[in-house]
Amino acid sequence: MLAEFSLNFINLFVFIFNIVLLARVLMSWFEPNPKGGFGALLVDLTEPVLWPIRKVLPQTPMIDFAPLVAFLLLQLLAQFANNLLAG
């Protein structure tokens, strides 16, 4: 019961965070430096995950690969949780 709840929570978190991260990526194409409102909220929610990834990745001009790495890490987390808790 607890394992099923934990698995559902992790999967829901990964799903919602992926949507927030995708919104941040799409918004960065139109407004790279949000000053307030929804854009600033997206930055505040995603930056704690993206910042450590950016520190590890080599700098590339014009392209930020941190969101792609974050998507992959989140999928690995969900897959690991599914394998560990489901079976």
PDB file of N, CA and C in Angstrom:
ATOM      1  N   MET A   1       0.823  -1.197   0.000  1.00  0.00           N
ATOM      2  CA  MET A   1       0.000   0.000   0.000  1.00  0.00           C
ATOM      3  C   MET A   1       0.869   1.265   0.000  1.00  0.00           C
ATOM      4  N   LEU A   2       1.838   1.324   0.911  1.00  0.00           N
ATOM      5  CA  LEU A   2       2.728   2.474   0.973  1.00  0.00           C
ATOM      6  C   LEU A   2       3.616   2.541  -0.268  1.00  0.00           C
ATOM      7  N   ALA A   3       4.057   1.382  -0.737  1.00  0.00           N
ATOM      8  CA  ALA A   3       4.891   1.352  -1.940  1.00  0.00           C
ATOM      9  C   ALA A   3       4.107   1.857  -3.142  1.00  0.00           C
ATOM     10  N   GLU A   4       2.853   1.462  -3.256  1.00  0.00           N
ATOM     11  CA  GLU A   4       2.018   1.921  -4.370  1.00  0.00           C
ATOM     12  C   GLU A   4       1.787   3.428  -4.293  1.00  0.00           C
ATOM     13  N   PHE A   5       1.529   3.941  -3.094  1.00  0.00           N
ATOM     14  CA  PHE A   5       1.351   5.386  -2.919  1.00  0.00           C
ATOM     15  C   PHE A   5       2.632   6.134  -3.279  1.00  0.00           C
ATOM     16  N   SER A   6       3.768   5.618  -2.811  1.00  0.00           N
ATOM     17  CA  SER A   6       5.051   6.259  -3.113  1.00  0.00           C
ATOM     18  C   SER A   6       5.331   6.263  -4.607  1.00  0.00           C
ATOM     19  N   LEU A   7       5.044   5.158  -5.261  1.00  0.00           N
ATOM     20  CA  LEU A   7       5.256   5.059  -6.697  1.00  0.00           C
ATOM     21  C   LEU A   7       4.361   6.035  -7.451  1.00  0.00           C
ATOM     22  N   ASN A   8       3.106   6.124  -7.053  1.00  0.00           N
ATOM     23  CA  ASN A   8       2.190   7.072  -7.690  1.00  0.00           C
ATOM     24  C   ASN A   8       2.634   8.514  -7.459  1.00  0.00           C
ATOM     25  N   PHE A   9       3.099   8.809  -6.261  1.00  0.00           N
ATOM     26  CA  PHE A   9       3.568  10.163  -5.956  1.00  0.00           C
ATOM     27  C   PHE A   9       4.787  10.526  -6.807  1.00  0.00           C
ATOM     28  N   ILE A  10       5.743   9.615  -6.910  1.00  0.00           N
ATOM     29  CA  ILE A  10       6.945   9.873  -7.707  1.00  0.00           C
ATOM     30  C   ILE A  10       6.581  10.072  -9.169  1.00  0.00           C
ATOM     31  N   ASN A  11       5.727   9.205  -9.694  1.00  0.00           N
ATOM     32  CA  ASN A  11       5.323   9.334 -11.093  1.00  0.00           C
ATOM     33  C   ASN A  11       4.568  10.638 -11.344  1.00  0.00           C
ATOM     34  N   LEU A  12       3.720  11.034 -10.425  1.00  0.00           N
ATOM     35  CA  LEU A  12       2.987  12.295 -10.569  1.00  0.00           C
ATOM     36  C   LEU A  12       3.941  13.479 -10.494  1.00  0.00           C
ATOM     37  N   PHE A  13       4.885  13.445  -9.561  1.00  0.00           N
ATOM     38  CA  PHE A  13       5.871  14.515  -9.449  1.00  0.00           C
ATOM     39  C   PHE A  13       6.679  14.655 -10.732  1.00  0.00           C
ATOM     40  N   VAL A  14       7.162  13.542 -11.265  1.00  0.00           N
ATOM     41  CA  VAL A  14       7.962  13.575 -12.494  1.00  0.00           C
ATOM     42  C   VAL A  14       7.133  14.113 -13.643  1.00  0.00           C
ATOM     43  N   PHE A  15       5.887  13.682 -13.749  1.00  0.00           N
ATOM     44  CA  PHE A  15       5.006  14.163 -14.824  1.00  0.00           C
ATOM     45  C   PHE A  15       4.792  15.672 -14.733  1.00  0.00           C
ATOM     46  N   ILE A  16       4.459  16.155 -13.551  1.00  0.00           N
ATOM     47  CA  ILE A  16       4.192  17.591 -13.376  1.00  0.00           C
ATOM     48  C   ILE A  16       5.473  18.403 -13.587  1.00  0.00           C
ATOM     49  N   PHE A  17       6.583  17.921 -13.056  1.00  0.00           N
ATOM     50  CA  PHE A  17       7.832  18.664 -13.227  1.00  0.00           C
ATOM     51  C   PHE A  17       8.257  18.693 -14.689  1.00  0.00           C
ATOM     52  N   ASN A  18       8.008  17.616 -15.430  1.00  0.00           N
ATOM     53  CA  ASN A  18       8.307  17.617 -16.859  1.00  0.00           C
ATOM     54  C   ASN A  18       7.485  18.677 -17.590  1.00  0.00           C
ATOM     55  N   ILE A  19       6.238  18.831 -17.215  1.00  0.00           N
ATOM     56  CA  ILE A  19       5.393  19.853 -17.844  1.00  0.00           C
ATOM     57  C   ILE A  19       5.913  21.249 -17.504  1.00  0.00           C
ATOM     58  N   VAL A  20       6.263  21.473 -16.253  1.00  0.00           N
ATOM     59  CA  VAL A  20       6.796  22.773 -15.837  1.00  0.00           C
ATOM     60  C   VAL A  20       8.112  23.053 -16.557  1.00  0.00           C
ATOM     61  N   LEU A  21       8.954  22.054 -16.656  1.00  0.00           N
ATOM     62  CA  LEU A  21      10.235  22.217 -17.345  1.00  0.00           C
ATOM     63  C   LEU A  21      10.032  22.488 -18.836  1.00  0.00           C
ATOM     64  N   LEU A  22       9.102  21.803 -19.454  1.00  0.00           N
ATOM     65  CA  LEU A  22       8.799  22.053 -20.862  1.00  0.00           C
ATOM     66  C   LEU A  22       8.265  23.468 -21.065  1.00  0.00           C
ATOM     67  N   ALA A  23       7.412  23.920 -20.157  1.00  0.00           N
ATOM     68  CA  ALA A  23       6.897  25.294 -20.241  1.00  0.00           C
ATOM     69  C   ALA A  23       8.043  26.293 -20.111  1.00  0.00           C
ATOM     70  N   ARG A  24       8.989  26.012 -19.239  1.00  0.00           N
ATOM     71  CA  ARG A  24      10.147  26.907 -19.079  1.00  0.00           C
ATOM     72  C   ARG A  24      10.978  26.957 -20.350  1.00  0.00           C
ATOM     73  N   VAL A  25      11.194  25.807 -20.969  1.00  0.00           N
ATOM     74  CA  VAL A  25      11.972  25.759 -22.202  1.00  0.00           C
ATOM     75  C   VAL A  25      11.262  26.532 -23.305  1.00  0.00           C
ATOM     76  N   LEU A  26       9.977  26.289 -23.466  1.00  0.00           N
ATOM     77  CA  LEU A  26       9.226  26.985 -24.511  1.00  0.00           C
ATOM     78  C   LEU A  26       9.183  28.486 -24.257  1.00  0.00           C
ATOM     79  N   MET A  27       9.012  28.868 -23.007  1.00  0.00           N
ATOM     80  CA  MET A  27       8.963  30.291 -22.684  1.00  0.00           C
ATOM     81  C   MET A  27      10.314  30.961 -22.938  1.00  0.00           C
ATOM     82  N   SER A  28      11.397  30.236 -22.738  1.00  0.00           N
ATOM     83  CA  SER A  28      12.718  30.832 -22.945  1.00  0.00           C
ATOM     84  C   SER A  28      12.954  31.203 -24.407  1.00  0.00           C
ATOM     85  N   TRP A  29      12.241  30.586 -25.316  1.00  0.00           N
ATOM     86  CA  TRP A  29      12.371  30.946 -26.725  1.00  0.00           C
ATOM     87  C   TRP A  29      11.759  32.312 -27.010  1.00  0.00           C
ATOM     88  N   PHE A  30      10.747  32.684 -26.239  1.00  0.00           N
ATOM     89  CA  PHE A  30      10.027  33.930 -26.490  1.00  0.00           C
ATOM     90  C   PHE A  30      10.427  35.051 -25.545  1.00  0.00           C
ATOM     91  N   GLU A  31      10.734  34.698 -24.305  1.00  0.00           N
ATOM     92  CA  GLU A  31      11.131  35.690 -23.302  1.00  0.00           C
ATOM     93  C   GLU A  31      12.266  35.105 -22.466  1.00  0.00           C
ATOM     94  N   PRO A  32      13.502  35.287 -22.933  1.00  0.00           N
ATOM     95  CA  PRO A  32      14.635  34.624 -22.265  1.00  0.00           C
ATOM     96  C   PRO A  32      14.869  35.066 -20.821  1.00  0.00           C
ATOM     97  N   ASN A  33      14.517  36.307 -20.481  1.00  0.00           N
ATOM     98  CA  ASN A  33      14.739  36.819 -19.120  1.00  0.00           C
ATOM     99  C   ASN A  33      13.428  37.319 -18.526  1.00  0.00           C
ATOM    100  N   PRO A  34      12.600  36.412 -18.004  1.00  0.00           N
ATOM    101  CA  PRO A  34      11.320  36.862 -17.437  1.00  0.00           C
ATOM    102  C   PRO A  34      11.539  37.724 -16.200  1.00  0.00           C
ATOM    103  N   LYS A  35      10.795  38.783 -16.113  1.00  0.00           N
ATOM    104  CA  LYS A  35      10.951  39.732 -15.000  1.00  0.00           C
ATOM    105  C   LYS A  35       9.928  39.512 -13.888  1.00  0.00           C
ATOM    106  N   GLY A  36       8.848  38.868 -14.202  1.00  0.00           N
ATOM    107  CA  GLY A  36       7.835  38.645 -13.177  1.00  0.00           C
ATOM    108  C   GLY A  36       6.736  37.760 -13.706  1.00  0.00           C
ATOM    109  N   GLY A  37       5.788  37.471 -12.859  1.00  0.00           N
ATOM    110  CA  GLY A  37       4.635  36.695 -13.259  1.00  0.00           C
ATOM    111  C   GLY A  37       4.940  35.226 -13.461  1.00  0.00           C
ATOM    112  N   PHE A  38       4.295  34.661 -14.479  1.00  0.00           N
ATOM    113  CA  PHE A  38       4.366  33.231 -14.732  1.00  0.00           C
ATOM    114  C   PHE A  38       5.789  32.782 -15.099  1.00  0.00           C
ATOM    115  N   GLY A  39       6.488  33.578 -15.894  1.00  0.00           N
ATOM    116  CA  GLY A  39       7.853  33.231 -16.281  1.00  0.00           C
ATOM    117  C   GLY A  39       8.785  33.151 -15.089  1.00  0.00           C
ATOM    118  N   ALA A  40       8.655  34.094 -14.183  1.00  0.00           N
ATOM    119  CA  ALA A  40       9.496  34.078 -12.984  1.00  0.00           C
ATOM    120  C   ALA A  40       9.165  32.872 -12.102  1.00  0.00           C
ATOM    121  N   LEU A  41       7.888  32.507 -12.050  1.00  0.00           N
ATOM    122  CA  LEU A  41       7.492  31.326 -11.286  1.00  0.00           C
ATOM    123  C   LEU A  41       8.128  30.067 -11.869  1.00  0.00           C
ATOM    124  N   LEU A  42       8.116  29.953 -13.201  1.00  0.00           N
ATOM    125  CA  LEU A  42       8.742  28.794 -13.840  1.00  0.00           C
ATOM    126  C   LEU A  42      10.241  28.732 -13.545  1.00  0.00           C
ATOM    127  N   VAL A  43      10.893  29.882 -13.578  1.00  0.00           N
ATOM    128  CA  VAL A  43      12.322  29.925 -13.258  1.00  0.00           C
ATOM    129  C   VAL A  43      12.544  29.512 -11.803  1.00  0.00           C
ATOM    130  N   ASP A  44      11.739  30.025 -10.904  1.00  0.00           N
ATOM    131  CA  ASP A  44      11.895  29.694  -9.481  1.00  0.00           C
ATOM    132  C   ASP A  44      11.684  28.204  -9.218  1.00  0.00           C
ATOM    133  N   LEU A  45      10.773  27.579  -9.959  1.00  0.00           N
ATOM    134  CA  LEU A  45      10.492  26.157  -9.753  1.00  0.00           C
ATOM    135  C   LEU A  45      11.548  25.247 -10.368  1.00  0.00           C
ATOM    136  N   THR A  46      12.123  25.648 -11.479  1.00  0.00           N
ATOM    137  CA  THR A  46      13.032  24.759 -12.197  1.00  0.00           C
ATOM    138  C   THR A  46      14.511  25.017 -11.928  1.00  0.00           C
ATOM    139  N   GLU A  47      14.849  26.211 -11.535  1.00  0.00           N
ATOM    140  CA  GLU A  47      16.264  26.552 -11.370  1.00  0.00           C
ATOM    141  C   GLU A  47      16.983  25.704 -10.320  1.00  0.00           C
ATOM    142  N   PRO A  48      16.347  25.315  -9.204  1.00  0.00           N
ATOM    143  CA  PRO A  48      17.065  24.446  -8.251  1.00  0.00           C
ATOM    144  C   PRO A  48      17.496  23.106  -8.847  1.00  0.00           C
ATOM    145  N   VAL A  49      16.833  22.651  -9.894  1.00  0.00           N
ATOM    146  CA  VAL A  49      17.234  21.412 -10.563  1.00  0.00           C
ATOM    147  C   VAL A  49      18.228  21.703 -11.677  1.00  0.00           C
ATOM    148  N   LEU A  50      18.006  22.786 -12.420  1.00  0.00           N
ATOM    149  CA  LEU A  50      18.845  23.071 -13.584  1.00  0.00           C
ATOM    150  C   LEU A  50      20.217  23.629 -13.204  1.00  0.00           C
ATOM    151  N   TRP A  51      20.293  24.406 -12.149  1.00  0.00           N
ATOM    152  CA  TRP A  51      21.559  25.056 -11.782  1.00  0.00           C
ATOM    153  C   TRP A  51      22.684  24.046 -11.515  1.00  0.00           C
ATOM    154  N   PRO A  52      22.462  22.999 -10.704  1.00  0.00           N
ATOM    155  CA  PRO A  52      23.559  22.037 -10.485  1.00  0.00           C
ATOM    156  C   PRO A  52      23.962  21.308 -11.773  1.00  0.00           C
ATOM    157  N   ILE A  53      23.005  21.069 -12.646  1.00  0.00           N
ATOM    158  CA  ILE A  53      23.326  20.406 -13.914  1.00  0.00           C
ATOM    159  C   ILE A  53      24.189  21.321 -14.769  1.00  0.00           C
ATOM    160  N   ARG A  54      23.868  22.615 -14.802  1.00  0.00           N
ATOM    161  CA  ARG A  54      24.659  23.578 -15.574  1.00  0.00           C
ATOM    162  C   ARG A  54      26.093  23.676 -15.059  1.00  0.00           C
ATOM    163  N   LYS A  55      26.273  23.505 -13.751  1.00  0.00           N
ATOM    164  CA  LYS A  55      27.625  23.563 -13.181  1.00  0.00           C
ATOM    165  C   LYS A  55      28.488  22.410 -13.678  1.00  0.00           C
ATOM    166  N   VAL A  56      27.880  21.266 -13.963  1.00  0.00           N
ATOM    167  CA  VAL A  56      28.610  20.079 -14.373  1.00  0.00           C
ATOM    168  C   VAL A  56      28.838  20.056 -15.889  1.00  0.00           C
ATOM    169  N   LEU A  57      27.858  20.509 -16.648  1.00  0.00           N
ATOM    170  CA  LEU A  57      27.962  20.476 -18.111  1.00  0.00           C
ATOM    171  C   LEU A  57      28.934  21.526 -18.617  1.00  0.00           C
ATOM    172  N   PRO A  58      29.613  21.238 -19.727  1.00  0.00           N
ATOM    173  CA  PRO A  58      30.455  22.278 -20.334  1.00  0.00           C
ATOM    174  C   PRO A  58      29.580  23.382 -20.929  1.00  0.00           C
ATOM    175  N   GLN A  59      30.089  24.592 -20.916  1.00  0.00           N
ATOM    176  CA  GLN A  59      29.360  25.741 -21.463  1.00  0.00           C
ATOM    177  C   GLN A  59      29.265  25.633 -22.980  1.00  0.00           C
ATOM    178  N   THR A  60      28.067  25.836 -23.499  1.00  0.00           N
ATOM    179  CA  THR A  60      27.858  25.872 -24.939  1.00  0.00           C
ATOM    180  C   THR A  60      27.147  27.173 -25.282  1.00  0.00           C
ATOM    181  N   PRO A  61      27.606  27.866 -26.312  1.00  0.00           N
ATOM    182  CA  PRO A  61      26.952  29.128 -26.666  1.00  0.00           C
ATOM    183  C   PRO A  61      25.583  28.881 -27.290  1.00  0.00           C
ATOM    184  N   MET A  62      24.605  29.652 -26.856  1.00  0.00           N
ATOM    185  CA  MET A  62      23.263  29.687 -27.435  1.00  0.00           C
ATOM    186  C   MET A  62      22.372  28.489 -27.099  1.00  0.00           C
ATOM    187  N   ILE A  63      22.925  27.380 -26.656  1.00  0.00           N
ATOM    188  CA  ILE A  63      22.107  26.197 -26.382  1.00  0.00           C
ATOM    189  C   ILE A  63      22.353  25.757 -24.944  1.00  0.00           C
ATOM    190  N   ASP A  64      21.270  25.585 -24.213  1.00  0.00           N
ATOM    191  CA  ASP A  64      21.346  25.116 -22.837  1.00  0.00           C
ATOM    192  C   ASP A  64      20.881  23.663 -22.809  1.00  0.00           C
ATOM    193  N   PHE A  65      21.811  22.754 -22.549  1.00  0.00           N
ATOM    194  CA  PHE A  65      21.479  21.341 -22.514  1.00  0.00           C
ATOM    195  C   PHE A  65      20.991  20.871 -21.144  1.00  0.00           C
ATOM    196  N   ALA A  66      20.977  21.744 -20.158  1.00  0.00           N
ATOM    197  CA  ALA A  66      20.553  21.365 -18.807  1.00  0.00           C
ATOM    198  C   ALA A  66      19.115  20.851 -18.766  1.00  0.00           C
ATOM    199  N   PRO A  67      18.147  21.471 -19.466  1.00  0.00           N
ATOM    200  CA  PRO A  67      16.794  20.905 -19.440  1.00  0.00           C
ATOM    201  C   PRO A  67      16.720  19.497 -20.026  1.00  0.00           C
ATOM    202  N   LEU A  68      17.475  19.237 -21.077  1.00  0.00           N
ATOM    203  CA  LEU A  68      17.483  17.898 -21.663  1.00  0.00           C
ATOM    204  C   LEU A  68      18.029  16.883 -20.664  1.00  0.00           C
ATOM    205  N   VAL A  69      19.110  17.229 -19.997  1.00  0.00           N
ATOM    206  CA  VAL A  69      19.684  16.339 -18.978  1.00  0.00           C
ATOM    207  C   VAL A  69      18.692  16.150 -17.831  1.00  0.00           C
ATOM    208  N   ALA A  70      17.997  17.225 -17.448  1.00  0.00           N
ATOM    209  CA  ALA A  70      16.997  17.121 -16.374  1.00  0.00           C
ATOM    210  C   ALA A  70      15.859  16.182 -16.777  1.00  0.00           C
ATOM    211  N   PHE A  71      15.381  16.304 -18.026  1.00  0.00           N
ATOM    212  CA  PHE A  71      14.345  15.382 -18.506  1.00  0.00           C
ATOM    213  C   PHE A  71      14.822  13.934 -18.401  1.00  0.00           C
ATOM    214  N   LEU A  72      16.045  13.686 -18.842  1.00  0.00           N
ATOM    215  CA  LEU A  72      16.576  12.322 -18.800  1.00  0.00           C
ATOM    216  C   LEU A  72      16.737  11.816 -17.366  1.00  0.00           C
ATOM    217  N   LEU A  73      17.250  12.672 -16.490  1.00  0.00           N
ATOM    218  CA  LEU A  73      17.418  12.258 -15.091  1.00  0.00           C
ATOM    219  C   LEU A  73      16.076  11.984 -14.414  1.00  0.00           C
ATOM    220  N   LEU A  74      15.080  12.792 -14.719  1.00  0.00           N
ATOM    221  CA  LEU A  74      13.751  12.555 -14.151  1.00  0.00           C
ATOM    222  C   LEU A  74      13.161  11.236 -14.648  1.00  0.00           C
ATOM    223  N   GLN A  75      13.369  10.933 -15.912  1.00  0.00           N
ATOM    224  CA  GLN A  75      12.877   9.659 -16.438  1.00  0.00           C
ATOM    225  C   GLN A  75      13.616   8.484 -15.803  1.00  0.00           C
ATOM    226  N   LEU A  76      14.919   8.646 -15.594  1.00  0.00           N
ATOM    227  CA  LEU A  76      15.674   7.597 -14.898  1.00  0.00           C
ATOM    228  C   LEU A  76      15.187   7.409 -13.470  1.00  0.00           C
ATOM    229  N   LEU A  77      14.891   8.518 -12.794  1.00  0.00           N
ATOM    230  CA  LEU A  77      14.352   8.439 -11.435  1.00  0.00           C
ATOM    231  C   LEU A  77      13.030   7.685 -11.414  1.00  0.00           C
ATOM    232  N   ALA A  78      12.144   8.020 -12.334  1.00  0.00           N
ATOM    233  CA  ALA A  78      10.844   7.347 -12.389  1.00  0.00           C
ATOM    234  C   ALA A  78      11.011   5.873 -12.719  1.00  0.00           C
ATOM    235  N   GLN A  79      11.888   5.562 -13.645  1.00  0.00           N
ATOM    236  CA  GLN A  79      12.108   4.163 -14.013  1.00  0.00           C
ATOM    237  C   GLN A  79      12.719   3.384 -12.853  1.00  0.00           C
ATOM    238  N   PHE A  80      13.677   3.992 -12.165  1.00  0.00           N
ATOM    239  CA  PHE A  80      14.284   3.347 -10.997  1.00  0.00           C
ATOM    240  C   PHE A  80      13.234   3.082  -9.917  1.00  0.00           C
ATOM    241  N   ALA A  81      12.389   4.073  -9.653  1.00  0.00           N
ATOM    242  CA  ALA A  81      11.337   3.912  -8.650  1.00  0.00           C
ATOM    243  C   ALA A  81      10.355   2.825  -9.062  1.00  0.00           C
ATOM    244  N   ASN A  82      10.002   2.803 -10.341  1.00  0.00           N
ATOM    245  CA  ASN A  82       9.087   1.756 -10.822  1.00  0.00           C
ATOM    246  C   ASN A  82       9.693   0.368 -10.656  1.00  0.00           C
ATOM    247  N   ASN A  83      10.966   0.227 -10.993  1.00  0.00           N
ATOM    248  CA  ASN A  83      11.619  -1.085 -10.860  1.00  0.00           C
ATOM    249  C   ASN A  83      11.785  -1.481  -9.394  1.00  0.00           C
ATOM    250  N   LEU A  84      12.113  -0.518  -8.553  1.00  0.00           N
ATOM    251  CA  LEU A  84      12.344  -0.828  -7.149  1.00  0.00           C
ATOM    252  C   LEU A  84      11.063  -1.120  -6.393  1.00  0.00           C
ATOM    253  N   LEU A  85      10.049  -0.296  -6.601  1.00  0.00           N
ATOM    254  CA  LEU A  85       8.833  -0.412  -5.801  1.00  0.00           C
ATOM    255  C   LEU A  85       7.786  -1.348  -6.395  1.00  0.00           C
ATOM    256  N   ALA A  86       7.781  -1.501  -7.702  1.00  0.00           N
ATOM    257  CA  ALA A  86       6.747  -2.318  -8.326  1.00  0.00           C
ATOM    258  C   ALA A  86       7.152  -3.775  -8.446  1.00  0.00           C
ATOM    259  N   GLY A  87       8.414  -4.004  -8.346  1.00  0.00           N
ATOM    260  CA  GLY A  87       8.616  -5.380  -8.529  1.00  0.00           C
ATOM    261  C   GLY A  87       9.832  -6.079  -8.321  1.00  0.00           C
TER     262      GLY A  87
END
